[in-house]
Structures are given as C-alpha cells and as structure tokens.
C-alpha cells in the first residue's frame, strides 16, 4: 500500500512539472473553424496533445525513478 501511494505521489508531482515544461514548448492554442457560410463553428485545441505528452513523460520518468531507487 505504501508503494502504491508513493508511486501516485511521485507521478502527480512529475506530471505537474512535465505539464509546465510542455506548455512552454508546445503553446496551448484554440482556433475557431467556421463551416461554410453558416455562423456555426467548432473550436479546435491542442490541449489533449499537451496532456498526453505530459502524462507519458511523467509515467516514463516515474517508472525509471522506481527502477533506479527501489
């Protein structure tokens, strides 16, 4: 139980740090795409890309830290 709790704590800290770094490299943007002559539009963002990259890097570094230090 202690191992799972420490893993979750380290993962959350690494995730927040990676999220801050990734947002500096890949700037978050929001773009409105208008369809034809209608006034309807759809927002396109890159937020999911930023979150997935941050989670992937933090998961990899957490596993590496656990392998090296435990």
Protein backbone atom coordinates (compact mmCIF):
# COMPACT_ATOMS: atom_id res chain seq x y z
CA UNK A 1 0.00 0.00 0.00
CA UNK A 2 2.85 2.37 0.78
CA UNK A 3 4.47 1.63 -2.55
CA UNK A 4 1.28 2.46 -4.46
CA UNK A 5 0.79 5.68 -2.50
CA UNK A 6 4.35 6.84 -3.06
CA UNK A 7 4.08 5.93 -6.76
CA UNK A 8 0.93 8.04 -7.09
CA UNK A 9 2.53 10.95 -5.25
CA UNK A 10 5.68 10.89 -7.38
CA UNK A 11 3.61 10.52 -10.54
CA UNK A 12 1.47 13.53 -9.67
CA UNK A 13 4.50 15.69 -8.92
CA UNK A 14 6.25 14.63 -12.13
CA UNK A 15 3.03 15.18 -14.11
CA UNK A 16 2.63 18.75 -12.90
CA UNK A 17 6.29 19.50 -13.61
CA UNK A 18 6.14 17.98 -17.09
CA UNK A 19 2.89 19.81 -17.78
CA UNK A 20 4.56 23.13 -17.01
CA UNK A 21 7.54 22.31 -19.23
CA UNK A 22 5.46 21.01 -22.13
CA UNK A 23 3.27 24.12 -22.07
CA UNK A 24 6.38 26.24 -22.53
CA UNK A 25 7.43 24.22 -25.58
CA UNK A 26 4.03 23.49 -27.15
CA UNK A 27 1.96 26.60 -26.71
CA UNK A 28 -1.71 25.92 -25.95
CA UNK A 29 -3.93 27.32 -28.67
CA UNK A 30 -7.59 27.46 -29.52
CA UNK A 31 -8.85 28.04 -33.05
CA UNK A 32 -12.40 28.57 -34.25
CA UNK A 33 -13.17 26.82 -37.54
CA UNK A 34 -16.28 28.16 -39.24
CA UNK A 35 -18.16 25.75 -41.51
CA UNK A 36 -19.26 27.33 -44.78
CA UNK A 37 -21.45 30.43 -44.71
CA UNK A 38 -23.21 29.49 -41.50
CA UNK A 39 -22.40 31.13 -38.22
CA UNK A 40 -21.76 27.76 -36.60
CA UNK A 41 -18.22 26.95 -35.70
CA UNK A 42 -16.16 24.39 -33.89
CA UNK A 43 -13.28 25.02 -31.51
CA UNK A 44 -10.10 23.03 -32.24
CA UNK A 45 -7.49 22.87 -29.49
CA UNK A 46 -4.23 21.07 -28.79
CA UNK A 47 -4.96 20.52 -25.10
CA UNK A 48 -5.24 16.74 -25.42
CA UNK A 49 -1.83 16.58 -27.11
CA UNK A 50 -0.26 18.55 -24.26
CA UNK A 51 -1.89 16.41 -21.57
CA UNK A 52 -0.98 13.11 -23.24
CA UNK A 53 2.65 14.15 -23.79
CA UNK A 54 2.94 15.31 -20.18
CA UNK A 55 1.38 12.13 -18.78
CA UNK A 56 3.53 9.90 -20.98
CA UNK A 57 6.78 11.59 -19.99
CA UNK A 58 5.86 11.65 -16.31
CA UNK A 59 4.85 7.97 -16.37
CA UNK A 60 8.15 7.05 -18.02
CA UNK A 61 10.22 9.06 -15.55
CA UNK A 62 8.27 7.66 -12.58
CA UNK A 63 8.94 4.09 -13.70
CA UNK A 64 12.59 4.97 -14.23
CA UNK A 65 12.85 6.52 -10.77
CA UNK A 66 11.22 3.48 -9.18
CA UNK A 67 13.52 1.11 -11.04
CA UNK A 68 16.64 3.06 -10.06
CA UNK A 69 15.85 3.90 -6.44
CA UNK A 70 13.91 0.88 -5.15
